[in-house]
Amino acid sequence: MPKLLLATNNKGKAREYKSLLEGVPFELVTPDEVDIDTEVAEVGRSFEENARLKATTLAAESGLLSLADDSGLEVEALGGEPGTLSARYAGEDASDADRVKYLLTKMQGVPQEKRQARFKCVIAIANPQGEVELCSGECDGVIAFEPVGEGGFGYDPIFYLPEMGKTMAELPLEIKNTLSHRGRAAAKAKEVLKRLAS
């Protein structure tokens, strides 16, 4: 079975992708597993640019079909922040808990009706020749006043889904995967991968 390189060493994200892409005709591997330690700087101005950059760089280096994503949170009351800076919003070495705390500090005084936010994800699938296909997904929600739930990672504990009455971190993975920005983008990516394998 051909290998598909998942361009992430984030264990939470890799685990989620292995679940989201179940059934694709590829063996999913991470850079660690194929001895690649290239860190691609996310210098793009958009999720699309960053995903494309990571996928093409790792595909060229590994000689494998590579899948990279860039995703993040856009909060209306903060003018679309943190956006592409979601992972580095509270500083380079901040933990998920630090980022959540920092975002909630910036949201102090913002009333319930003005806390709309959206998670966005763009997946890039690149071959070693540099050809790229993009798939995207979005999920709308509201920023909660405090973190709730133990599941997920990143901003999941403060991303509240009104239609579910829960934060993303309170949902079982199989439900999260049908609703999340990453789940929606991955469903499209699955179709692309099946086509590429045939």
C-alpha atoms as a PDB file:
ATOM      1  CA  MET A   1       0.000   0.000   0.000  1.00  0.00           C
ATOM      2  CA  PRO A   2       1.469   3.423  -0.911  1.00  0.00           C
ATOM      3  CA  LYS A   3       2.342   5.799   1.922  1.00  0.00           C
ATOM      4  CA  LEU A   4       0.651   9.142   2.563  1.00  0.00           C
ATOM      5  CA  LEU A   5       2.723  11.530   4.661  1.00  0.00           C
ATOM      6  CA  LEU A   6       0.687  13.516   7.196  1.00  0.00           C
ATOM      7  CA  ALA A   7       2.616  16.759   7.568  1.00  0.00           C
ATOM      8  CA  THR A   8       2.299  17.008  11.347  1.00  0.00           C
ATOM      9  CA  ASN A   9       4.049  15.707  14.439  1.00  0.00           C
ATOM     10  CA  ASN A  10       1.214  17.035  16.634  1.00  0.00           C
ATOM     11  CA  LYS A  11       0.022  13.758  18.153  1.00  0.00           C
ATOM     12  CA  GLY A  12      -3.538  15.022  18.704  1.00  0.00           C
ATOM     13  CA  LYS A  13      -3.847  16.128  15.101  1.00  0.00           C
ATOM     14  CA  ALA A  14      -2.228  12.957  13.698  1.00  0.00           C
ATOM     15  CA  ARG A  15      -4.619  10.795  15.736  1.00  0.00           C
ATOM     16  CA  GLU A  16      -7.584  12.815  14.488  1.00  0.00           C
ATOM     17  CA  TYR A  17      -6.453  12.484  10.865  1.00  0.00           C
ATOM     18  CA  LYS A  18      -5.953   8.727  11.164  1.00  0.00           C
ATOM     19  CA  SER A  19      -9.570   8.537  12.299  1.00  0.00           C
ATOM     20  CA  LEU A  20     -10.871  11.038   9.689  1.00  0.00           C
ATOM     21  CA  LEU A  21      -9.106   9.358   6.771  1.00  0.00           C
ATOM     22  CA  GLU A  22      -9.975   5.805   7.748  1.00  0.00           C
ATOM     23  CA  GLY A  23     -10.545   3.690   4.663  1.00  0.00           C
ATOM     24  CA  VAL A  24      -8.294   5.627   2.254  1.00  0.00           C
ATOM     25  CA  PRO A  25      -6.052   3.338   0.181  1.00  0.00           C
ATOM     26  CA  PHE A  26      -2.836   4.633   1.795  1.00  0.00           C
ATOM     27  CA  GLU A  27      -0.687   3.839   4.805  1.00  0.00           C
ATOM     28  CA  LEU A  28      -0.670   7.039   6.885  1.00  0.00           C
ATOM     29  CA  VAL A  29       2.744   8.014   8.250  1.00  0.00           C
ATOM     30  CA  THR A  30       4.073  11.057  10.137  1.00  0.00           C
ATOM     31  CA  PRO A  31       7.391  12.843   9.458  1.00  0.00           C
ATOM     32  CA  ASP A  32       8.845  11.225  12.626  1.00  0.00           C
ATOM     33  CA  GLU A  33       8.057   7.777  11.249  1.00  0.00           C
ATOM     34  CA  VAL A  34       9.945   8.411   8.002  1.00  0.00           C
ATOM     35  CA  ASP A  35      12.893  10.257   9.629  1.00  0.00           C
ATOM     36  CA  ILE A  36      12.062  13.725   8.353  1.00  0.00           C
ATOM     37  CA  ASP A  37      12.547  16.569  10.790  1.00  0.00           C
ATOM     38  CA  THR A  38      11.947  19.560   8.539  1.00  0.00           C
ATOM     39  CA  GLU A  39      10.006  22.315  10.265  1.00  0.00           C
ATOM     40  CA  VAL A  40       8.143  24.362   7.665  1.00  0.00           C
ATOM     41  CA  ALA A  41       7.687  27.951   8.851  1.00  0.00           C
ATOM     42  CA  GLU A  42       4.064  29.069   8.464  1.00  0.00           C
ATOM     43  CA  VAL A  43       4.833  32.364   6.789  1.00  0.00           C
ATOM     44  CA  GLY A  44       1.793  32.456   4.488  1.00  0.00           C
ATOM     45  CA  ARG A  45      -0.869  35.128   4.874  1.00  0.00           C
ATOM     46  CA  SER A  46      -3.717  32.633   4.583  1.00  0.00           C
ATOM     47  CA  PHE A  47      -4.571  29.077   5.634  1.00  0.00           C
ATOM     48  CA  GLU A  48      -4.349  28.101   1.923  1.00  0.00           C
ATOM     49  CA  GLU A  49      -0.798  29.433   1.544  1.00  0.00           C
ATOM     50  CA  ASN A  50       0.442  27.712   4.705  1.00  0.00           C
ATOM     51  CA  ALA A  51      -1.153  24.349   3.859  1.00  0.00           C
ATOM     52  CA  ARG A  52       0.242  24.466   0.313  1.00  0.00           C
ATOM     53  CA  LEU A  53       3.723  25.394   1.581  1.00  0.00           C
ATOM     54  CA  LYS A  54       3.847  22.543   4.110  1.00  0.00           C
ATOM     55  CA  ALA A  55       2.486  19.912   1.711  1.00  0.00           C
ATOM     56  CA  THR A  56       4.755  20.793  -1.237  1.00  0.00           C
ATOM     57  CA  THR A  57       7.883  21.077   0.952  1.00  0.00           C
ATOM     58  CA  LEU A  58       7.357  17.687   2.600  1.00  0.00           C
ATOM     59  CA  ALA A  59       6.303  15.972  -0.640  1.00  0.00           C
ATOM     60  CA  ALA A  60       9.484  17.198  -2.356  1.00  0.00           C
ATOM     61  CA  GLU A  61      11.655  16.132   0.565  1.00  0.00           C
ATOM     62  CA  SER A  62      10.075  12.735   1.215  1.00  0.00           C
ATOM     63  CA  GLY A  63       9.179  11.713  -2.327  1.00  0.00           C
ATOM     64  CA  LEU A  64       5.744  10.792  -0.920  1.00  0.00           C
ATOM     65  CA  LEU A  65       2.256  12.093  -1.539  1.00  0.00           C
ATOM     66  CA  SER A  66       1.827  14.509   1.387  1.00  0.00           C
ATOM     67  CA  LEU A  67      -1.169  15.965   3.169  1.00  0.00           C
ATOM     68  CA  ALA A  68      -0.869  19.159   5.206  1.00  0.00           C
ATOM     69  CA  ASP A  69      -3.457  21.396   6.731  1.00  0.00           C
ATOM     70  CA  ASP A  70      -3.554  24.814   8.186  1.00  0.00           C
ATOM     71  CA  SER A  71      -6.440  25.632  10.384  1.00  0.00           C
ATOM     72  CA  GLY A  72      -7.396  28.083  13.011  1.00  0.00           C
ATOM     73  CA  LEU A  73      -9.968  30.084  14.807  1.00  0.00           C
ATOM     74  CA  GLU A  74     -11.413  33.383  13.586  1.00  0.00           C
ATOM     75  CA  VAL A  75     -13.240  35.429  16.221  1.00  0.00           C
ATOM     76  CA  GLU A  76     -15.491  38.207  14.904  1.00  0.00           C
ATOM     77  CA  ALA A  77     -15.113  40.455  17.973  1.00  0.00           C
ATOM     78  CA  LEU A  78     -11.315  40.307  17.519  1.00  0.00           C
ATOM     79  CA  GLY A  79     -11.409  41.248  13.842  1.00  0.00           C
ATOM     80  CA  GLY A  80     -10.735  37.676  12.702  1.00  0.00           C
ATOM     81  CA  GLU A  81      -7.915  36.997  15.166  1.00  0.00           C
ATOM     82  CA  PRO A  82      -6.147  34.714  15.899  1.00  0.00           C
ATOM     83  CA  GLY A  83      -6.540  33.380  12.315  1.00  0.00           C
ATOM     84  CA  THR A  84      -3.292  31.987  10.871  1.00  0.00           C
ATOM     85  CA  LEU A  85      -1.584  32.804  14.182  1.00  0.00           C
ATOM     86  CA  SER A  86      -3.900  30.457  16.156  1.00  0.00           C
ATOM     87  CA  ALA A  87      -1.087  28.106  17.229  1.00  0.00           C
ATOM     88  CA  ARG A  88       1.258  30.969  18.195  1.00  0.00           C
ATOM     89  CA  TYR A  89      -1.317  33.420  19.546  1.00  0.00           C
ATOM     90  CA  ALA A  90      -0.043  33.448  23.132  1.00  0.00           C
ATOM     91  CA  GLY A  91       3.620  33.136  22.130  1.00  0.00           C
ATOM     92  CA  GLU A  92       5.826  30.497  20.530  1.00  0.00           C
ATOM     93  CA  ASP A  93       6.025  28.028  23.446  1.00  0.00           C
ATOM     94  CA  ALA A  94       2.531  28.518  24.865  1.00  0.00           C
ATOM     95  CA  SER A  95       0.433  25.454  25.715  1.00  0.00           C
ATOM     96  CA  ASP A  96      -3.178  24.919  24.583  1.00  0.00           C
ATOM     97  CA  ALA A  97      -4.287  26.075  28.046  1.00  0.00           C
ATOM     98  CA  ASP A  98      -2.172  29.256  27.725  1.00  0.00           C
ATOM     99  CA  ARG A  99      -3.745  30.084  24.346  1.00  0.00           C
ATOM    100  CA  VAL A 100      -7.268  29.527  25.662  1.00  0.00           C
ATOM    101  CA  LYS A 101      -6.564  31.734  28.676  1.00  0.00           C
ATOM    102  CA  TYR A 102      -5.046  34.481  26.491  1.00  0.00           C
ATOM    103  CA  LEU A 103      -8.014  34.454  24.101  1.00  0.00           C
ATOM    104  CA  LEU A 104     -10.508  34.605  26.986  1.00  0.00           C
ATOM    105  CA  THR A 105      -8.595  37.571  28.443  1.00  0.00           C
ATOM    106  CA  LYS A 106      -8.941  39.406  25.119  1.00  0.00           C
ATOM    107  CA  MET A 107     -12.665  38.559  25.076  1.00  0.00           C
ATOM    108  CA  GLN A 108     -13.360  40.003  28.549  1.00  0.00           C
ATOM    109  CA  GLY A 109     -16.396  42.256  28.476  1.00  0.00           C
ATOM    110  CA  VAL A 110     -17.631  40.917  25.110  1.00  0.00           C
ATOM    111  CA  PRO A 111     -21.304  39.969  25.604  1.00  0.00           C
ATOM    112  CA  GLN A 112     -22.821  36.598  24.652  1.00  0.00           C
ATOM    113  CA  GLU A 113     -24.430  37.907  21.451  1.00  0.00           C
ATOM    114  CA  LYS A 114     -21.111  39.213  20.082  1.00  0.00           C
ATOM    115  CA  ARG A 115     -18.968  36.095  20.644  1.00  0.00           C
ATOM    116  CA  GLN A 116     -19.391  34.478  17.190  1.00  0.00           C
ATOM    117  CA  ALA A 117     -16.424  32.567  15.847  1.00  0.00           C
ATOM    118  CA  ARG A 118     -15.550  30.075  13.176  1.00  0.00           C
ATOM    119  CA  PHE A 119     -12.998  27.318  12.838  1.00  0.00           C
ATOM    120  CA  LYS A 120     -11.503  27.090   9.336  1.00  0.00           C
ATOM    121  CA  CYS A 121      -9.384  24.338   7.852  1.00  0.00           C
ATOM    122  CA  VAL A 122      -7.656  24.069   4.487  1.00  0.00           C
ATOM    123  CA  ILE A 123      -6.067  20.749   3.508  1.00  0.00           C
ATOM    124  CA  ALA A 124      -3.448  20.603   0.755  1.00  0.00           C
ATOM    125  CA  ILE A 125      -2.534  17.310  -0.896  1.00  0.00           C
ATOM    126  CA  ALA A 126       0.717  17.555  -2.857  1.00  0.00           C
ATOM    127  CA  ASN A 127       2.699  15.068  -4.911  1.00  0.00           C
ATOM    128  CA  PRO A 128       6.512  15.175  -5.214  1.00  0.00           C
ATOM    129  CA  GLN A 129       6.151  16.925  -8.609  1.00  0.00           C
ATOM    130  CA  GLY A 130       4.556  19.907  -6.859  1.00  0.00           C
ATOM    131  CA  GLU A 131       0.948  19.419  -8.007  1.00  0.00           C
ATOM    132  CA  VAL A 132      -1.501  20.418  -5.276  1.00  0.00           C
ATOM    133  CA  GLU A 133      -5.210  19.924  -4.589  1.00  0.00           C
ATOM    134  CA  LEU A 134      -6.962  22.001  -1.900  1.00  0.00           C
ATOM    135  CA  CYS A 135      -9.999  21.063   0.225  1.00  0.00           C
ATOM    136  CA  SER A 136     -11.562  23.337   2.835  1.00  0.00           C
ATOM    137  CA  GLY A 137     -14.082  23.169   5.659  1.00  0.00           C
ATOM    138  CA  GLU A 138     -15.641  25.531   8.200  1.00  0.00           C
ATOM    139  CA  CYS A 139     -17.547  25.224  11.454  1.00  0.00           C
ATOM    140  CA  ASP A 140     -19.433  28.098  13.122  1.00  0.00           C
ATOM    141  CA  GLY A 141     -19.787  28.515  16.849  1.00  0.00           C
ATOM    142  CA  VAL A 142     -19.532  30.882  19.803  1.00  0.00           C
ATOM    143  CA  ILE A 143     -16.660  31.550  22.218  1.00  0.00           C
ATOM    144  CA  ALA A 144     -17.654  30.260  25.670  1.00  0.00           C
ATOM    145  CA  PHE A 145     -16.901  32.251  28.828  1.00  0.00           C
ATOM    146  CA  GLU A 146     -14.773  29.449  30.280  1.00  0.00           C
ATOM    147  CA  PRO A 147     -13.268  26.156  29.086  1.00  0.00           C
ATOM    148  CA  VAL A 148     -15.518  23.079  29.337  1.00  0.00           C
ATOM    149  CA  GLY A 149     -14.715  19.483  28.370  1.00  0.00           C
ATOM    150  CA  GLU A 150     -11.692  17.225  28.325  1.00  0.00           C
ATOM    151  CA  GLY A 151     -11.618  16.070  24.698  1.00  0.00           C
ATOM    152  CA  GLY A 152     -10.073  17.554  21.586  1.00  0.00           C
ATOM    153  CA  PHE A 153      -7.181  20.002  21.666  1.00  0.00           C
ATOM    154  CA  GLY A 154      -6.406  23.639  20.918  1.00  0.00           C
ATOM    155  CA  TYR A 155      -9.383  25.943  21.359  1.00  0.00           C
ATOM    156  CA  ASP A 156     -11.950  23.098  21.506  1.00  0.00           C
ATOM    157  CA  PRO A 157     -12.841  23.672  25.215  1.00  0.00           C
ATOM    158  CA  ILE A 158     -14.068  27.242  24.519  1.00  0.00           C
ATOM    159  CA  PHE A 159     -15.644  26.646  21.099  1.00  0.00           C
ATOM    160  CA  TYR A 160     -19.348  26.253  21.897  1.00  0.00           C
ATOM    161  CA  LEU A 161     -21.753  24.744  19.359  1.00  0.00           C
ATOM    162  CA  PRO A 162     -25.244  26.137  20.089  1.00  0.00           C
ATOM    163  CA  GLU A 163     -27.004  23.392  18.089  1.00  0.00           C
ATOM    164  CA  MET A 164     -25.280  20.716  20.212  1.00  0.00           C
ATOM    165  CA  GLY A 165     -25.447  22.602  23.527  1.00  0.00           C
ATOM    166  CA  LYS A 166     -21.815  21.593  24.083  1.00  0.00           C
ATOM    167  CA  THR A 167     -18.267  22.753  23.429  1.00  0.00           C
ATOM    168  CA  MET A 168     -16.190  20.918  20.829  1.00  0.00           C
ATOM    169  CA  ALA A 169     -14.166  19.396  23.722  1.00  0.00           C
ATOM    170  CA  GLU A 170     -17.312  17.752  25.157  1.00  0.00           C
ATOM    171  CA  LEU A 171     -18.133  15.835  21.986  1.00  0.00           C
ATOM    172  CA  PRO A 172     -17.080  12.239  21.360  1.00  0.00           C
ATOM    173  CA  LEU A 173     -14.514  12.097  18.534  1.00  0.00           C
ATOM    174  CA  GLU A 174     -16.890  10.420  16.068  1.00  0.00           C
ATOM    175  CA  ILE A 175     -19.454  13.238  16.484  1.00  0.00           C
ATOM    176  CA  LYS A 176     -16.760  15.947  16.416  1.00  0.00           C
ATOM    177  CA  ASN A 177     -15.396  14.505  13.177  1.00  0.00           C
ATOM    178  CA  THR A 178     -18.750  14.954  11.399  1.00  0.00           C
ATOM    179  CA  LEU A 179     -19.132  18.588  12.503  1.00  0.00           C
ATOM    180  CA  SER A 180     -15.649  20.024  12.706  1.00  0.00           C
ATOM    181  CA  HIS A 181     -13.904  22.188  10.131  1.00  0.00           C
ATOM    182  CA  ARG A 182     -11.217  19.502   9.881  1.00  0.00           C
ATOM    183  CA  GLY A 183     -13.824  16.764   9.501  1.00  0.00           C
ATOM    184  CA  ARG A 184     -15.553  18.624   6.678  1.00  0.00           C
ATOM    185  CA  ALA A 185     -12.283  19.339   4.846  1.00  0.00           C
ATOM    186  CA  ALA A 186     -11.109  15.735   5.390  1.00  0.00           C
ATOM    187  CA  ALA A 187     -14.312  14.306   3.883  1.00  0.00           C
ATOM    188  CA  LYS A 188     -13.444  16.177   0.661  1.00  0.00           C
ATOM    189  CA  ALA A 189      -9.786  15.131   0.938  1.00  0.00           C
ATOM    190  CA  LYS A 190     -10.847  11.482   1.214  1.00  0.00           C
ATOM    191  CA  GLU A 191     -12.546  11.699  -2.179  1.00  0.00           C
ATOM    192  CA  VAL A 192      -9.407  13.256  -3.698  1.00  0.00           C
ATOM    193  CA  LEU A 193      -7.185  10.509  -2.207  1.00  0.00           C
ATOM    194  CA  LYS A 194      -9.439   7.745  -3.498  1.00  0.00           C
ATOM    195  CA  ARG A 195      -9.280   9.299  -6.955  1.00  0.00           C
ATOM    196  CA  LEU A 196      -5.475   9.676  -6.808  1.00  0.00           C
ATOM    197  CA  ALA A 197      -5.072   6.041  -5.763  1.00  0.00           C
ATOM    198  CA  SER A 198      -7.254   4.629  -8.549  1.00  0.00           C
END
